[in-house]
Amino acid sequence: MKKAVAPYLSVRDGAAAIAFYKKAFDAEELERFEYEGKLGHATLRINDHVLMLADEFPEMEEMTGNVAPPTLGGRTTFTINLTVDDADQWFERAIAAGATAIRPVTAEFFGRHGKLRDPFGHVWSVVTLNEERQA
């Protein structure tokens, strides 16, 4: 059995979130399940890694354990780190798809790095590592 860690996002308007992640990050939809007229669960693949998401069900927070960033006043408690081949290109594609720049892509000691917020409130770091760090 392959072991992995995958982020599981709570969003508002899961169908729109899936469409955004496809456009912004070239996500591949692996599965989608509806629940009570909302997105109950979806699994996406971005760069050979899994991202899961569902619509928030605030009335079920005791069972789900989380809510979407709008319920937290637009805040989130983590950043998703997306390592890519060209941080500038991925960053610009996400902005064109509807993300908001938090920090533009700049040269850092480890490579190129920028930070953005997706339309659903989640924060993403887009990173291209220097050649010596890619090993």
C-alpha atoms as a PDB file:
ATOM      1  CA  MET A   1       0.000   0.000   0.000  1.00  0.00           C
ATOM      2  CA  LYS A   2       1.355   3.408  -1.024  1.00  0.00           C
ATOM      3  CA  LYS A   3       1.403   5.852   1.879  1.00  0.00           C
ATOM      4  CA  ALA A   4       0.829   9.560   1.343  1.00  0.00           C
ATOM      5  CA  VAL A   5      -0.300  12.819   2.886  1.00  0.00           C
ATOM      6  CA  ALA A   6      -2.828  14.884   0.947  1.00  0.00           C
ATOM      7  CA  PRO A   7      -4.496  18.205   1.725  1.00  0.00           C
ATOM      8  CA  TYR A   8      -8.278  18.061   2.042  1.00  0.00           C
ATOM      9  CA  LEU A   9      -9.833  21.473   1.388  1.00  0.00           C
ATOM     10  CA  SER A  10     -13.187  22.741   2.560  1.00  0.00           C
ATOM     11  CA  VAL A  11     -14.653  25.181   0.028  1.00  0.00           C
ATOM     12  CA  ARG A  12     -17.820  26.976  -0.888  1.00  0.00           C
ATOM     13  CA  ASP A  13     -19.043  26.024  -4.386  1.00  0.00           C
ATOM     14  CA  GLY A  14     -17.026  22.889  -4.928  1.00  0.00           C
ATOM     15  CA  ALA A  15     -17.925  22.616  -8.617  1.00  0.00           C
ATOM     16  CA  ALA A  16     -16.448  26.082  -9.237  1.00  0.00           C
ATOM     17  CA  ALA A  17     -13.376  25.153  -7.177  1.00  0.00           C
ATOM     18  CA  ILE A  18     -12.773  22.085  -9.337  1.00  0.00           C
ATOM     19  CA  ALA A  19     -13.110  24.197 -12.486  1.00  0.00           C
ATOM     20  CA  PHE A  20     -10.637  26.742 -11.063  1.00  0.00           C
ATOM     21  CA  TYR A  21      -8.048  24.115 -10.069  1.00  0.00           C
ATOM     22  CA  LYS A  22      -8.279  22.572 -13.536  1.00  0.00           C
ATOM     23  CA  LYS A  23      -7.688  25.932 -15.209  1.00  0.00           C
ATOM     24  CA  ALA A  24      -5.127  27.335 -12.761  1.00  0.00           C
ATOM     25  CA  PHE A  25      -3.102  24.240 -11.903  1.00  0.00           C
ATOM     26  CA  ASP A  26      -3.928  21.800 -14.719  1.00  0.00           C
ATOM     27  CA  ALA A  27      -5.661  19.530 -12.181  1.00  0.00           C
ATOM     28  CA  GLU A  28      -7.060  16.207 -13.316  1.00  0.00           C
ATOM     29  CA  GLU A  29     -10.382  15.207 -11.764  1.00  0.00           C
ATOM     30  CA  LEU A  30     -10.180  11.617 -10.507  1.00  0.00           C
ATOM     31  CA  GLU A  31     -13.537  11.347  -8.740  1.00  0.00           C
ATOM     32  CA  ARG A  32     -16.521  13.431  -7.667  1.00  0.00           C
ATOM     33  CA  PHE A  33     -19.428  12.599  -5.376  1.00  0.00           C
ATOM     34  CA  GLU A  34     -22.445  14.744  -4.611  1.00  0.00           C
ATOM     35  CA  TYR A  35     -24.084  14.884  -1.166  1.00  0.00           C
ATOM     36  CA  GLU A  36     -27.305  16.736  -0.391  1.00  0.00           C
ATOM     37  CA  GLY A  37     -26.981  18.900  -3.503  1.00  0.00           C
ATOM     38  CA  LYS A  38     -23.396  19.908  -2.765  1.00  0.00           C
ATOM     39  CA  LEU A  39     -19.951  18.529  -3.477  1.00  0.00           C
ATOM     40  CA  GLY A  40     -19.567  15.759  -0.919  1.00  0.00           C
ATOM     41  CA  HIS A  41     -16.057  14.767  -2.025  1.00  0.00           C
ATOM     42  CA  ALA A  42     -13.701  15.129  -4.964  1.00  0.00           C
ATOM     43  CA  THR A  43     -10.191  13.911  -5.632  1.00  0.00           C
ATOM     44  CA  LEU A  44      -7.924  15.809  -8.008  1.00  0.00           C
ATOM     45  CA  ARG A  45      -4.391  15.176  -9.186  1.00  0.00           C
ATOM     46  CA  ILE A  46      -1.926  18.042  -9.559  1.00  0.00           C
ATOM     47  CA  ASN A  47       1.651  17.208 -10.566  1.00  0.00           C
ATOM     48  CA  ASP A  48       1.170  13.528  -9.686  1.00  0.00           C
ATOM     49  CA  HIS A  49      -0.075  14.377  -6.192  1.00  0.00           C
ATOM     50  CA  VAL A  50      -3.551  14.183  -4.722  1.00  0.00           C
ATOM     51  CA  LEU A  51      -5.688  17.091  -3.558  1.00  0.00           C
ATOM     52  CA  MET A  52      -9.090  16.366  -2.044  1.00  0.00           C
ATOM     53  CA  LEU A  53     -11.915  18.799  -1.458  1.00  0.00           C
ATOM     54  CA  ALA A  54     -15.558  19.082  -0.508  1.00  0.00           C
ATOM     55  CA  ASP A  55     -18.109  21.790   0.016  1.00  0.00           C
ATOM     56  CA  GLU A  56     -18.217  22.969   3.584  1.00  0.00           C
ATOM     57  CA  PHE A  57     -20.999  21.640   5.755  1.00  0.00           C
ATOM     58  CA  PRO A  58     -20.853  24.024   8.732  1.00  0.00           C
ATOM     59  CA  GLU A  59     -23.784  22.272  10.358  1.00  0.00           C
ATOM     60  CA  MET A  60     -21.610  19.130  10.444  1.00  0.00           C
ATOM     61  CA  GLU A  61     -18.374  20.756  11.663  1.00  0.00           C
ATOM     62  CA  GLU A  62     -18.244  18.481  14.711  1.00  0.00           C
ATOM     63  CA  MET A  63     -18.000  15.527  12.328  1.00  0.00           C
ATOM     64  CA  THR A  64     -15.962  17.063   9.480  1.00  0.00           C
ATOM     65  CA  GLY A  65     -13.570  19.022  11.674  1.00  0.00           C
ATOM     66  CA  ASN A  66     -13.240  22.006   9.348  1.00  0.00           C
ATOM     67  CA  VAL A  67     -14.939  24.870   7.530  1.00  0.00           C
ATOM     68  CA  ALA A  68     -14.105  26.943   4.458  1.00  0.00           C
ATOM     69  CA  PRO A  69     -11.993  30.111   4.742  1.00  0.00           C
ATOM     70  CA  PRO A  70     -14.998  32.472   4.301  1.00  0.00           C
ATOM     71  CA  THR A  71     -16.416  31.047   7.536  1.00  0.00           C
ATOM     72  CA  LEU A  72     -13.111  32.015   9.185  1.00  0.00           C
ATOM     73  CA  GLY A  73     -13.345  35.591   7.935  1.00  0.00           C
ATOM     74  CA  GLY A  74     -11.266  34.801   4.843  1.00  0.00           C
ATOM     75  CA  ARG A  75      -8.366  33.333   6.806  1.00  0.00           C
ATOM     76  CA  THR A  76      -6.797  29.912   6.495  1.00  0.00           C
ATOM     77  CA  THR A  77      -4.470  27.957   8.742  1.00  0.00           C
ATOM     78  CA  PHE A  78      -2.052  26.573   6.172  1.00  0.00           C
ATOM     79  CA  THR A  79      -0.343  27.101   2.822  1.00  0.00           C
ATOM     80  CA  ILE A  80      -0.274  24.515   0.057  1.00  0.00           C
ATOM     81  CA  ASN A  81       3.221  24.277  -1.429  1.00  0.00           C
ATOM     82  CA  LEU A  82       3.171  23.540  -5.159  1.00  0.00           C
ATOM     83  CA  THR A  83       6.600  22.700  -6.612  1.00  0.00           C
ATOM     84  CA  VAL A  84       6.601  23.198 -10.377  1.00  0.00           C
ATOM     85  CA  ASP A  85       8.934  23.449 -13.346  1.00  0.00           C
ATOM     86  CA  ASP A  86       8.304  27.188 -13.946  1.00  0.00           C
ATOM     87  CA  ALA A  87       6.961  29.165 -10.980  1.00  0.00           C
ATOM     88  CA  ASP A  88       6.456  32.326 -13.038  1.00  0.00           C
ATOM     89  CA  GLN A  89       4.322  30.568 -15.648  1.00  0.00           C
ATOM     90  CA  TRP A  90       2.232  28.642 -13.085  1.00  0.00           C
ATOM     91  CA  PHE A  91       1.751  31.796 -11.008  1.00  0.00           C
ATOM     92  CA  GLU A  92       0.577  33.840 -14.000  1.00  0.00           C
ATOM     93  CA  ARG A  93      -1.777  31.051 -15.134  1.00  0.00           C
ATOM     94  CA  ALA A  94      -3.352  30.952 -11.649  1.00  0.00           C
ATOM     95  CA  ILE A  95      -3.746  34.748 -11.632  1.00  0.00           C
ATOM     96  CA  ALA A  96      -5.372  34.617 -15.082  1.00  0.00           C
ATOM     97  CA  ALA A  97      -7.751  31.935 -13.748  1.00  0.00           C
ATOM     98  CA  GLY A  98      -8.869  34.164 -10.861  1.00  0.00           C
ATOM     99  CA  ALA A  99      -6.293  33.860  -8.054  1.00  0.00           C
ATOM    100  CA  THR A 100      -5.044  36.936  -6.192  1.00  0.00           C
ATOM    101  CA  ALA A 101      -1.341  37.657  -5.768  1.00  0.00           C
ATOM    102  CA  ILE A 102      -0.157  37.795  -2.167  1.00  0.00           C
ATOM    103  CA  ARG A 103       3.539  37.968  -3.048  1.00  0.00           C
ATOM    104  CA  PRO A 104       4.869  38.054  -6.616  1.00  0.00           C
ATOM    105  CA  VAL A 105       7.354  35.464  -7.803  1.00  0.00           C
ATOM    106  CA  THR A 106      10.872  36.463  -6.783  1.00  0.00           C
ATOM    107  CA  ALA A 107      14.302  34.876  -6.601  1.00  0.00           C
ATOM    108  CA  GLU A 108      14.929  33.279  -3.205  1.00  0.00           C
ATOM    109  CA  PHE A 109      17.921  31.351  -1.865  1.00  0.00           C
ATOM    110  CA  PHE A 110      16.147  28.065  -2.727  1.00  0.00           C
ATOM    111  CA  GLY A 111      14.744  29.048  -6.135  1.00  0.00           C
ATOM    112  CA  ARG A 112      11.798  31.086  -7.458  1.00  0.00           C
ATOM    113  CA  HIS A 113       8.790  31.560  -5.200  1.00  0.00           C
ATOM    114  CA  GLY A 114       5.466  33.383  -5.234  1.00  0.00           C
ATOM    115  CA  LYS A 115       2.359  33.224  -3.072  1.00  0.00           C
ATOM    116  CA  LEU A 116      -1.279  33.558  -4.094  1.00  0.00           C
ATOM    117  CA  ARG A 117      -4.790  33.112  -2.740  1.00  0.00           C
ATOM    118  CA  ASP A 118      -7.293  31.110  -4.749  1.00  0.00           C
ATOM    119  CA  PRO A 119     -10.879  32.381  -5.125  1.00  0.00           C
ATOM    120  CA  PHE A 120     -11.975  30.009  -2.330  1.00  0.00           C
ATOM    121  CA  GLY A 121      -9.602  31.473   0.275  1.00  0.00           C
ATOM    122  CA  HIS A 122      -6.788  28.920   0.224  1.00  0.00           C
ATOM    123  CA  VAL A 123      -3.170  30.088   0.024  1.00  0.00           C
ATOM    124  CA  TRP A 124      -0.694  28.510  -2.398  1.00  0.00           C
ATOM    125  CA  SER A 125       3.089  28.857  -2.663  1.00  0.00           C
ATOM    126  CA  VAL A 126       4.303  28.268  -6.205  1.00  0.00           C
ATOM    127  CA  VAL A 127       7.955  27.207  -6.157  1.00  0.00           C
ATOM    128  CA  THR A 128      10.641  26.236  -8.628  1.00  0.00           C
ATOM    129  CA  LEU A 129      13.679  24.928  -6.803  1.00  0.00           C
ATOM    130  CA  ASN A 130      17.253  25.710  -7.818  1.00  0.00           C
ATOM    131  CA  GLU A 131      18.910  22.827  -9.683  1.00  0.00           C
ATOM    132  CA  GLU A 132      21.038  21.845  -6.666  1.00  0.00           C
ATOM    133  CA  ARG A 133      17.863  21.565  -4.511  1.00  0.00           C
ATOM    134  CA  GLN A 134      15.987  19.387  -7.017  1.00  0.00           C
ATOM    135  CA  ALA A 135      18.010  16.259  -6.264  1.00  0.00           C
END
